[in-house]
PDB file of N, CA and C in Angstrom:
ATOM      1  N   MET A   1     140.618  65.987  33.325  1.00  0.00           N
ATOM      2  CA  MET A   1     141.595  66.979  34.003  1.00  0.00           C
ATOM      3  C   MET A   1     142.316  67.694  33.317  1.00  0.00           C
ATOM      4  N   SER A   2     142.558  68.745  33.140  1.00  0.00           N
ATOM      5  CA  SER A   2     143.570  69.406  32.340  1.00  0.00           C
ATOM      6  C   SER A   2     144.857  69.467  32.775  1.00  0.00           C
ATOM      7  N   THR A   3     145.643  69.635  32.001  1.00  0.00           N
ATOM      8  CA  THR A   3     147.301  69.402  32.159  1.00  0.00           C
ATOM      9  C   THR A   3     147.668  70.868  32.863  1.00  0.00           C
ATOM     10  N   LYS A   4     148.823  70.682  33.678  1.00  0.00           N
ATOM     11  CA  LYS A   4     149.418  71.978  34.318  1.00  0.00           C
ATOM     12  C   LYS A   4     149.224  73.196  33.127  1.00  0.00           C
ATOM     13  N   ASP A   5     149.997  72.750  32.085  1.00  0.00           N
ATOM     14  CA  ASP A   5     150.272  74.011  31.123  1.00  0.00           C
ATOM     15  C   ASP A   5     148.947  74.609  30.679  1.00  0.00           C
ATOM     16  N   GLU A   6     147.849  73.583  30.485  1.00  0.00           N
ATOM     17  CA  GLU A   6     146.571  74.228  30.070  1.00  0.00           C
ATOM     18  C   GLU A   6     145.995  74.946  31.285  1.00  0.00           C
ATOM     19  N   TYR A   7     146.022  74.614  32.346  1.00  0.00           N
ATOM     20  CA  TYR A   7     145.413  75.228  33.627  1.00  0.00           C
ATOM     21  C   TYR A   7     146.106  76.527  33.587  1.00  0.00           C
ATOM     22  N   ILE A   8     147.517  76.625  33.554  1.00  0.00           N
ATOM     23  CA  ILE A   8     148.111  78.041  33.753  1.00  0.00           C
ATOM     24  C   ILE A   8     147.729  78.912  32.492  1.00  0.00           C
ATOM     25  N   ARG A   9     147.622  78.435  31.252  1.00  0.00           N
ATOM     26  CA  ARG A   9     147.007  79.265  30.343  1.00  0.00           C
ATOM     27  C   ARG A   9     145.826  79.704  30.503  1.00  0.00           C
ATOM     28  N   LYS A  10     144.798  78.856  31.106  1.00  0.00           N
ATOM     29  CA  LYS A  10     143.614  79.372  31.679  1.00  0.00           C
ATOM     30  C   LYS A  10     143.649  80.468  32.654  1.00  0.00           C
ATOM     31  N   MET A  11     144.589  80.204  33.452  1.00  0.00           N
ATOM     32  CA  MET A  11     144.649  81.294  34.766  1.00  0.00           C
ATOM     33  C   MET A  11     145.282  82.630  34.212  1.00  0.00           C
ATOM     34  N   HIS A  12     146.248  82.410  33.116  1.00  0.00           N
ATOM     35  CA  HIS A  12     146.674  83.637  32.610  1.00  0.00           C
ATOM     36  C   HIS A  12     145.571  84.348  31.897  1.00  0.00           C
ATOM     37  N   SER A  13     144.895  83.823  31.172  1.00  0.00           N
ATOM     38  CA  SER A  13     143.759  84.337  30.466  1.00  0.00           C
ATOM     39  C   SER A  13     142.578  85.021  31.467  1.00  0.00           C
ATOM     40  N   ARG A  14     142.483  84.585  32.503  1.00  0.00           N
ATOM     41  CA  ARG A  14     141.378  85.034  33.591  1.00  0.00           C
ATOM     42  C   ARG A  14     142.165  86.066  34.189  1.00  0.00           C
ATOM     43  N   LEU A  15     143.312  86.128  34.369  1.00  0.00           N
ATOM     44  CA  LEU A  15     144.315  87.277  34.898  1.00  0.00           C
ATOM     45  C   LEU A  15     143.927  88.439  34.146  1.00  0.00           C
ATOM     46  N   ASP A  16     144.155  88.262  32.830  1.00  0.00           N
ATOM     47  CA  ASP A  16     144.140  89.289  31.776  1.00  0.00           C
ATOM     48  C   ASP A  16     142.662  90.010  31.593  1.00  0.00           C
ATOM     49  N   GLN A  17     141.775  89.060  31.865  1.00  0.00           N
ATOM     50  CA  GLN A  17     140.304  89.544  31.891  1.00  0.00           C
ATOM     51  C   GLN A  17     139.917  90.378  33.197  1.00  0.00           C
ATOM     52  N   TRP A  18     140.435  89.955  34.424  1.00  0.00           N
ATOM     53  CA  TRP A  18     140.365  90.644  35.563  1.00  0.00           C
ATOM     54  C   TRP A  18     141.007  92.025  35.413  1.00  0.00           C
ATOM     55  N   SER A  19     142.209  91.958  34.782  1.00  0.00           N
ATOM     56  CA  SER A  19     142.995  93.335  34.977  1.00  0.00           C
ATOM     57  C   SER A  19     142.082  94.319  34.028  1.00  0.00           C
ATOM     58  N   ASN A  20     141.492  93.725  32.869  1.00  0.00           N
ATOM     59  CA  ASN A  20     140.746  94.668  31.952  1.00  0.00           C
ATOM     60  C   ASN A  20     139.543  94.923  32.718  1.00  0.00           C
ATOM     61  N   GLU A  21     138.807  94.418  33.378  1.00  0.00           N
ATOM     62  CA  GLU A  21     137.605  94.783  34.046  1.00  0.00           C
ATOM     63  C   GLU A  21     138.138  95.538  35.355  1.00  0.00           C
ATOM     64  N   ILE A  22     139.284  95.527  35.868  1.00  0.00           N
ATOM     65  CA  ILE A  22     139.551  96.554  37.137  1.00  0.00           C
ATOM     66  C   ILE A  22     140.027  97.960  36.392  1.00  0.00           C
ATOM     67  N   ASP A  23     140.795  97.813  35.274  1.00  0.00           N
ATOM     68  CA  ASP A  23     141.044  99.107  34.450  1.00  0.00           C
ATOM     69  C   ASP A  23     139.768  99.773  34.006  1.00  0.00           C
ATOM     70  N   ALA A  24     138.697  99.078  33.766  1.00  0.00           N
ATOM     71  CA  ALA A  24     137.430  99.578  33.339  1.00  0.00           C
ATOM     72  C   ALA A  24     136.707 100.199  34.537  1.00  0.00           C
ATOM     73  N   LEU A  25     136.714  99.689  35.784  1.00  0.00           N
ATOM     74  CA  LEU A  25     136.343 100.034  36.961  1.00  0.00           C
ATOM     75  C   LEU A  25     136.938 101.458  37.298  1.00  0.00           C
ATOM     76  N   ALA A  26     138.310 101.423  36.883  1.00  0.00           N
ATOM     77  CA  ALA A  26     139.053 102.703  37.328  1.00  0.00           C
ATOM     78  C   ALA A  26     138.841 103.850  36.638  1.00  0.00           C
ATOM     79  N   ALA A  27     138.539 103.560  35.026  1.00  0.00           N
ATOM     80  CA  ALA A  27     138.123 104.548  34.249  1.00  0.00           C
ATOM     81  C   ALA A  27     136.907 105.198  34.744  1.00  0.00           C
ATOM     82  N   LYS A  28     135.913 104.179  35.114  1.00  0.00           N
ATOM     83  CA  LYS A  28     134.564 104.718  35.629  1.00  0.00           C
ATOM     84  C   LYS A  28     134.643 105.568  36.882  1.00  0.00           C
ATOM     85  N   ALA A  29     135.531 105.148  37.666  1.00  0.00           N
ATOM     86  CA  ALA A  29     135.927 105.852  38.881  1.00  0.00           C
ATOM     87  C   ALA A  29     136.067 107.398  38.647  1.00  0.00           C
ATOM     88  N   ASP A  30     136.712 107.419  37.598  1.00  0.00           N
ATOM     89  CA  ASP A  30     137.172 109.090  37.197  1.00  0.00           C
ATOM     90  C   ASP A  30     136.074 109.781  36.860  1.00  0.00           C
ATOM     91  N   GLN A  31     134.789 109.353  36.595  1.00  0.00           N
ATOM     92  CA  GLN A  31     133.794 110.104  35.962  1.00  0.00           C
ATOM     93  C   GLN A  31     132.731 110.313  37.140  1.00  0.00           C
ATOM     94  N   VAL A  32     133.065 109.930  38.431  1.00  0.00           N
ATOM     95  CA  VAL A  32     131.882 109.974  39.209  1.00  0.00           C
ATOM     96  C   VAL A  32     132.366 111.234  40.335  1.00  0.00           C
ATOM     97  N   GLY A  33     131.615 111.464  41.455  1.00  0.00           N
ATOM     98  CA  GLY A  33     131.899 112.500  42.381  1.00  0.00           C
ATOM     99  C   GLY A  33     132.843 111.987  43.103  1.00  0.00           C
ATOM    100  N   ALA A  34     133.423 112.941  43.941  1.00  0.00           N
ATOM    101  CA  ALA A  34     134.494 112.680  44.719  1.00  0.00           C
ATOM    102  C   ALA A  34     134.400 111.904  45.749  1.00  0.00           C
ATOM    103  N   LYS A  35     133.095 111.850  46.602  1.00  0.00           N
ATOM    104  CA  LYS A  35     132.884 110.729  47.587  1.00  0.00           C
ATOM    105  C   LYS A  35     133.008 109.341  47.070  1.00  0.00           C
ATOM    106  N   THR A  36     132.360 109.196  45.805  1.00  0.00           N
ATOM    107  CA  THR A  36     132.175 107.940  45.278  1.00  0.00           C
ATOM    108  C   THR A  36     133.445 107.649  44.551  1.00  0.00           C
ATOM    109  N   ARG A  37     134.300 108.446  43.956  1.00  0.00           N
ATOM    110  CA  ARG A  37     135.519 108.131  43.547  1.00  0.00           C
ATOM    111  C   ARG A  37     136.616 107.608  44.528  1.00  0.00           C
ATOM    112  N   ALA A  38     136.388 108.113  45.836  1.00  0.00           N
ATOM    113  CA  ALA A  38     137.281 107.768  46.805  1.00  0.00           C
ATOM    114  C   ALA A  38     136.929 106.326  47.108  1.00  0.00           C
ATOM    115  N   GLU A  39     135.518 105.956  47.213  1.00  0.00           N
ATOM    116  CA  GLU A  39     135.012 104.728  47.476  1.00  0.00           C
ATOM    117  C   GLU A  39     135.637 103.740  46.460  1.00  0.00           C
ATOM    118  N   TYR A  40     135.656 104.087  45.290  1.00  0.00           N
ATOM    119  CA  TYR A  40     135.799 103.200  44.098  1.00  0.00           C
ATOM    120  C   TYR A  40     137.294 102.828  44.336  1.00  0.00           C
ATOM    121  N   HIS A  41     138.129 104.052  44.319  1.00  0.00           N
ATOM    122  CA  HIS A  41     139.523 103.789  44.460  1.00  0.00           C
ATOM    123  C   HIS A  41     140.002 102.820  45.413  1.00  0.00           C
ATOM    124  N   GLU A  42     139.429 103.070  46.725  1.00  0.00           N
ATOM    125  CA  GLU A  42     139.640 102.120  47.716  1.00  0.00           C
ATOM    126  C   GLU A  42     139.409 100.618  47.309  1.00  0.00           C
ATOM    127  N   GLN A  43     138.143 100.355  46.836  1.00  0.00           N
ATOM    128  CA  GLN A  43     137.920  98.989  46.397  1.00  0.00           C
ATOM    129  C   GLN A  43     138.900  98.529  45.290  1.00  0.00           C
ATOM    130  N   ILE A  44     139.315  99.437  44.303  1.00  0.00           N
ATOM    131  CA  ILE A  44     139.935  99.087  43.278  1.00  0.00           C
ATOM    132  C   ILE A  44     141.331  98.658  43.881  1.00  0.00           C
ATOM    133  N   GLU A  45     141.910  99.409  44.930  1.00  0.00           N
ATOM    134  CA  GLU A  45     143.308  98.926  45.460  1.00  0.00           C
ATOM    135  C   GLU A  45     143.133  97.505  46.061  1.00  0.00           C
ATOM    136  N   ILE A  46     141.780  97.320  46.550  1.00  0.00           N
ATOM    137  CA  ILE A  46     141.687  95.910  47.065  1.00  0.00           C
ATOM    138  C   ILE A  46     141.674  94.729  46.197  1.00  0.00           C
ATOM    139  N   LEU A  47     141.129  95.237  44.979  1.00  0.00           N
ATOM    140  CA  LEU A  47     140.988  94.310  43.913  1.00  0.00           C
ATOM    141  C   LEU A  47     142.486  93.997  43.276  1.00  0.00           C
ATOM    142  N   HIS A  48     143.255  95.095  43.175  1.00  0.00           N
ATOM    143  CA  HIS A  48     144.515  94.995  42.912  1.00  0.00           C
ATOM    144  C   HIS A  48     145.397  94.054  43.803  1.00  0.00           C
ATOM    145  N   GLY A  49     145.289  94.211  45.041  1.00  0.00           N
ATOM    146  CA  GLY A  49     145.785  93.236  46.107  1.00  0.00           C
ATOM    147  C   GLY A  49     145.343  92.010  45.835  1.00  0.00           C
ATOM    148  N   LYS A  50     144.268  91.631  45.700  1.00  0.00           N
ATOM    149  CA  LYS A  50     143.542  90.457  45.489  1.00  0.00           C
ATOM    150  C   LYS A  50     144.281  89.708  44.222  1.00  0.00           C
ATOM    151  N   ARG A  51     144.364  90.438  43.254  1.00  0.00           N
ATOM    152  CA  ARG A  51     144.744  90.059  41.821  1.00  0.00           C
ATOM    153  C   ARG A  51     145.961  89.683  41.864  1.00  0.00           C
ATOM    154  N   ASP A  52     146.946  90.539  42.733  1.00  0.00           N
ATOM    155  CA  ASP A  52     148.368  90.321  42.662  1.00  0.00           C
ATOM    156  C   ASP A  52     148.696  88.917  43.695  1.00  0.00           C
ATOM    157  N   HIS A  53     147.862  88.759  44.492  1.00  0.00           N
ATOM    158  CA  HIS A  53     147.923  87.349  45.226  1.00  0.00           C
ATOM    159  C   HIS A  53     147.654  86.336  44.492  1.00  0.00           C
ATOM    160  N   ALA A  54     146.825  86.380  43.695  1.00  0.00           N
ATOM    161  CA  ALA A  54     146.391  85.349  42.901  1.00  0.00           C
ATOM    162  C   ALA A  54     147.337  85.177  41.950  1.00  0.00           C
ATOM    163  N   LYS A  55     147.839  86.177  41.345  1.00  0.00           N
ATOM    164  CA  LYS A  55     149.076  86.036  40.511  1.00  0.00           C
ATOM    165  C   LYS A  55     150.278  85.319  40.968  1.00  0.00           C
ATOM    166  N   LYS A  56     150.596  85.699  42.253  1.00  0.00           N
ATOM    167  CA  LYS A  56     151.761  85.087  42.973  1.00  0.00           C
ATOM    168  C   LYS A  56     151.532  83.644  43.137  1.00  0.00           C
ATOM    169  N   LYS A  57     150.315  83.262  43.375  1.00  0.00           N
ATOM    170  CA  LYS A  57     149.864  81.814  43.534  1.00  0.00           C
ATOM    171  C   LYS A  57     150.277  81.118  42.338  1.00  0.00           C
ATOM    172  N   MET A  58     149.790  81.647  41.121  1.00  0.00           N
ATOM    173  CA  MET A  58     149.916  81.104  39.893  1.00  0.00           C
ATOM    174  C   MET A  58     151.382  80.800  39.434  1.00  0.00           C
ATOM    175  N   GLU A  59     152.173  81.835  39.706  1.00  0.00           N
ATOM    176  CA  GLU A  59     153.722  81.841  39.570  1.00  0.00           C
ATOM    177  C   GLU A  59     154.275  80.525  40.325  1.00  0.00           C
ATOM    178  N   GLU A  60     153.711  80.502  41.682  1.00  0.00           N
ATOM    179  CA  GLU A  60     154.334  79.297  42.515  1.00  0.00           C
ATOM    180  C   GLU A  60     153.812  78.053  41.769  1.00  0.00           C
ATOM    181  N   LEU A  61     152.668  78.171  41.308  1.00  0.00           N
ATOM    182  CA  LEU A  61     152.136  76.762  40.671  1.00  0.00           C
ATOM    183  C   LEU A  61     153.039  76.459  39.394  1.00  0.00           C
ATOM    184  N   GLN A  62     153.165  77.434  38.682  1.00  0.00           N
ATOM    185  CA  GLN A  62     154.225  77.454  37.488  1.00  0.00           C
ATOM    186  C   GLN A  62     155.586  76.885  37.806  1.00  0.00           C
ATOM    187  N   GLN A  63     156.099  77.260  38.998  1.00  0.00           N
ATOM    188  CA  GLN A  63     157.325  76.819  39.293  1.00  0.00           C
ATOM    189  C   GLN A  63     157.471  75.355  40.007  1.00  0.00           C
ATOM    190  N   SER A  64     156.370  74.868  40.474  1.00  0.00           N
ATOM    191  CA  SER A  64     155.893  73.717  41.047  1.00  0.00           C
ATOM    192  C   SER A  64     156.438  72.434  40.284  1.00  0.00           C
ATOM    193  N   ALA A  65     156.804  71.350  40.865  1.00  0.00           N
ATOM    194  CA  ALA A  65     156.945  70.075  40.231  1.00  0.00           C
ATOM    195  C   ALA A  65     155.904  69.479  39.558  1.00  0.00           C
ATOM    196  N   ALA A  66     156.092  68.749  38.700  1.00  0.00           N
ATOM    197  CA  ALA A  66     154.998  68.187  37.878  1.00  0.00           C
ATOM    198  C   ALA A  66     154.117  67.482  38.738  1.00  0.00           C
ATOM    199  N   GLY A  67     154.542  66.756  39.808  1.00  0.00           N
ATOM    200  CA  GLY A  67     153.598  66.017  40.488  1.00  0.00           C
ATOM    201  C   GLY A  67     152.936  66.726  41.725  1.00  0.00           C
ATOM    202  N   ALA A  68     153.502  67.985  42.064  1.00  0.00           N
ATOM    203  CA  ALA A  68     153.135  68.791  43.157  1.00  0.00           C
ATOM    204  C   ALA A  68     152.190  69.849  42.889  1.00  0.00           C
ATOM    205  N   TRP A  69     151.973  70.058  41.527  1.00  0.00           N
ATOM    206  CA  TRP A  69     150.903  71.334  40.862  1.00  0.00           C
ATOM    207  C   TRP A  69     149.614  70.773  41.239  1.00  0.00           C
ATOM    208  N   GLU A  70     149.083  69.489  41.211  1.00  0.00           N
ATOM    209  CA  GLU A  70     147.767  69.184  41.439  1.00  0.00           C
ATOM    210  C   GLU A  70     147.585  69.544  43.013  1.00  0.00           C
ATOM    211  N   ASP A  71     148.407  69.480  43.989  1.00  0.00           N
ATOM    212  CA  ASP A  71     148.080  69.626  45.391  1.00  0.00           C
ATOM    213  C   ASP A  71     147.927  71.028  45.854  1.00  0.00           C
ATOM    214  N   MET A  72     148.918  71.978  44.747  1.00  0.00           N
ATOM    215  CA  MET A  72     148.875  73.496  45.101  1.00  0.00           C
ATOM    216  C   MET A  72     147.590  74.107  44.247  1.00  0.00           C
ATOM    217  N   LYS A  73     146.959  73.314  43.583  1.00  0.00           N
ATOM    218  CA  LYS A  73     145.881  73.923  42.671  1.00  0.00           C
ATOM    219  C   LYS A  73     144.706  74.366  43.732  1.00  0.00           C
ATOM    220  N   ALA A  74     144.421  73.604  44.937  1.00  0.00           N
ATOM    221  CA  ALA A  74     143.470  74.211  45.751  1.00  0.00           C
ATOM    222  C   ALA A  74     143.738  75.569  46.168  1.00  0.00           C
ATOM    223  N   GLY A  75     144.975  75.861  46.658  1.00  0.00           N
ATOM    224  CA  GLY A  75     145.245  77.067  47.004  1.00  0.00           C
ATOM    225  C   GLY A  75     145.171  78.217  45.987  1.00  0.00           C
ATOM    226  N   VAL A  76     145.420  77.820  44.813  1.00  0.00           N
ATOM    227  CA  VAL A  76     145.244  78.816  43.545  1.00  0.00           C
ATOM    228  C   VAL A  76     143.698  79.066  43.399  1.00  0.00           C
ATOM    229  N   GLU A  77     143.065  77.978  43.681  1.00  0.00           N
ATOM    230  CA  GLU A  77     141.517  78.170  43.262  1.00  0.00           C
ATOM    231  C   GLU A  77     140.792  79.052  44.268  1.00  0.00           C
ATOM    232  N   MET A  78     141.558  79.103  45.564  1.00  0.00           N
ATOM    233  CA  MET A  78     140.847  79.924  46.627  1.00  0.00           C
ATOM    234  C   MET A  78     141.183  81.267  46.417  1.00  0.00           C
ATOM    235  N   ALA A  79     142.537  81.669  45.973  1.00  0.00           N
ATOM    236  CA  ALA A  79     142.987  83.004  45.358  1.00  0.00           C
ATOM    237  C   ALA A  79     142.128  83.364  44.332  1.00  0.00           C
ATOM    238  N   TRP A  80     141.851  82.689  43.394  1.00  0.00           N
ATOM    239  CA  TRP A  80     141.107  82.997  42.247  1.00  0.00           C
ATOM    240  C   TRP A  80     139.581  83.298  42.603  1.00  0.00           C
ATOM    241  N   ASP A  81     139.060  82.546  43.404  1.00  0.00           N
ATOM    242  CA  ASP A  81     137.767  82.755  43.936  1.00  0.00           C
ATOM    243  C   ASP A  81     137.529  84.123  44.720  1.00  0.00           C
ATOM    244  N   ALA A  82     138.765  84.328  45.464  1.00  0.00           N
ATOM    245  CA  ALA A  82     138.493  85.482  45.992  1.00  0.00           C
ATOM    246  C   ALA A  82     138.439  86.786  45.423  1.00  0.00           C
ATOM    247  N   VAL A  83     139.399  86.753  44.204  1.00  0.00           N
ATOM    248  CA  VAL A  83     139.403  87.837  43.212  1.00  0.00           C
ATOM    249  C   VAL A  83     138.066  87.884  42.519  1.00  0.00           C
ATOM    250  N   GLY A  84     137.521  86.939  42.008  1.00  0.00           N
ATOM    251  CA  GLY A  84     136.126  86.904  41.414  1.00  0.00           C
ATOM    252  C   GLY A  84     135.067  87.456  42.185  1.00  0.00           C
ATOM    253  N   GLU A  85     134.970  86.954  43.316  1.00  0.00           N
ATOM    254  CA  GLU A  85     133.934  87.367  44.299  1.00  0.00           C
ATOM    255  C   GLU A  85     134.062  89.103  44.675  1.00  0.00           C
ATOM    256  N   ALA A  86     135.438  89.330  44.749  1.00  0.00           N
ATOM    257  CA  ALA A  86     135.548  90.859  45.164  1.00  0.00           C
ATOM    258  C   ALA A  86     135.227  91.786  43.967  1.00  0.00           C
ATOM    259  N   LEU A  87     135.416  91.146  42.674  1.00  0.00           N
ATOM    260  CA  LEU A  87     135.242  91.918  41.521  1.00  0.00           C
ATOM    261  C   LEU A  87     133.701  92.115  41.540  1.00  0.00           C
ATOM    262  N   ALA A  88     133.077  90.907  41.360  1.00  0.00           N
ATOM    263  CA  ALA A  88     131.486  90.934  41.642  1.00  0.00           C
ATOM    264  C   ALA A  88     130.869  91.730  42.446  1.00  0.00           C
ATOM    265  N   SER A  89     131.545  91.888  43.745  1.00  0.00           N
ATOM    266  CA  SER A  89     130.904  92.813  44.808  1.00  0.00           C
ATOM    267  C   SER A  89     131.257  94.070  44.268  1.00  0.00           C
ATOM    268  N   VAL A  90     132.414  94.612  43.807  1.00  0.00           N
ATOM    269  CA  VAL A  90     132.677  95.860  43.298  1.00  0.00           C
ATOM    270  C   VAL A  90     131.698  96.299  42.226  1.00  0.00           C
ATOM    271  N   ARG A  91     131.516  95.484  41.230  1.00  0.00           N
ATOM    272  CA  ARG A  91     130.717  95.759  40.063  1.00  0.00           C
ATOM    273  C   ARG A  91     129.341  95.957  40.541  1.00  0.00           C
ATOM    274  N   SER A  92     128.790  95.137  41.532  1.00  0.00           N
ATOM    275  CA  SER A  92     127.488  95.254  41.823  1.00  0.00           C
ATOM    276  C   SER A  92     126.989  96.620  42.758  1.00  0.00           C
ATOM    277  N   ARG A  93     128.183  96.994  43.318  1.00  0.00           N
ATOM    278  CA  ARG A  93     128.213  97.912  44.461  1.00  0.00           C
ATOM    279  C   ARG A  93     128.195  99.459  43.753  1.00  0.00           C
ATOM    280  N   PHE A  94     128.809  99.308  42.414  1.00  0.00           N
ATOM    281  CA  PHE A  94     129.022 100.488  41.964  1.00  0.00           C
ATOM    282  C   PHE A  94     128.390 100.714  40.505  1.00  0.00           C
ATOM    283  N   LYS A  95     127.145  99.969  40.315  1.00  0.00           N
ATOM    284  CA  LYS A  95     126.406  99.890  39.021  1.00  0.00           C
ATOM    285  C   LYS A  95     125.711 101.388  39.153  1.00  0.00           C
TER     286      LYS A  95
END
């Protein structure tokens, strides 16, 4: 099992990766037709919201007491899973 600091570093790395992927999707959205662009931007806003929620959960985890972080980890994982699933869905939808 990883320590709290290792886990948080891993989550920061994943957040950075997701932000880069969302930025790439946003750039791709600017290169498509108006109707598809609107759909892209709607999905990108949803991704931003899910990513921001996951980031908030991670920040709560960072501020948690040493013994409580394991209990909070499940909530963080659910938020991360939601971002990952949403990102995969948007990627496959707009290939």
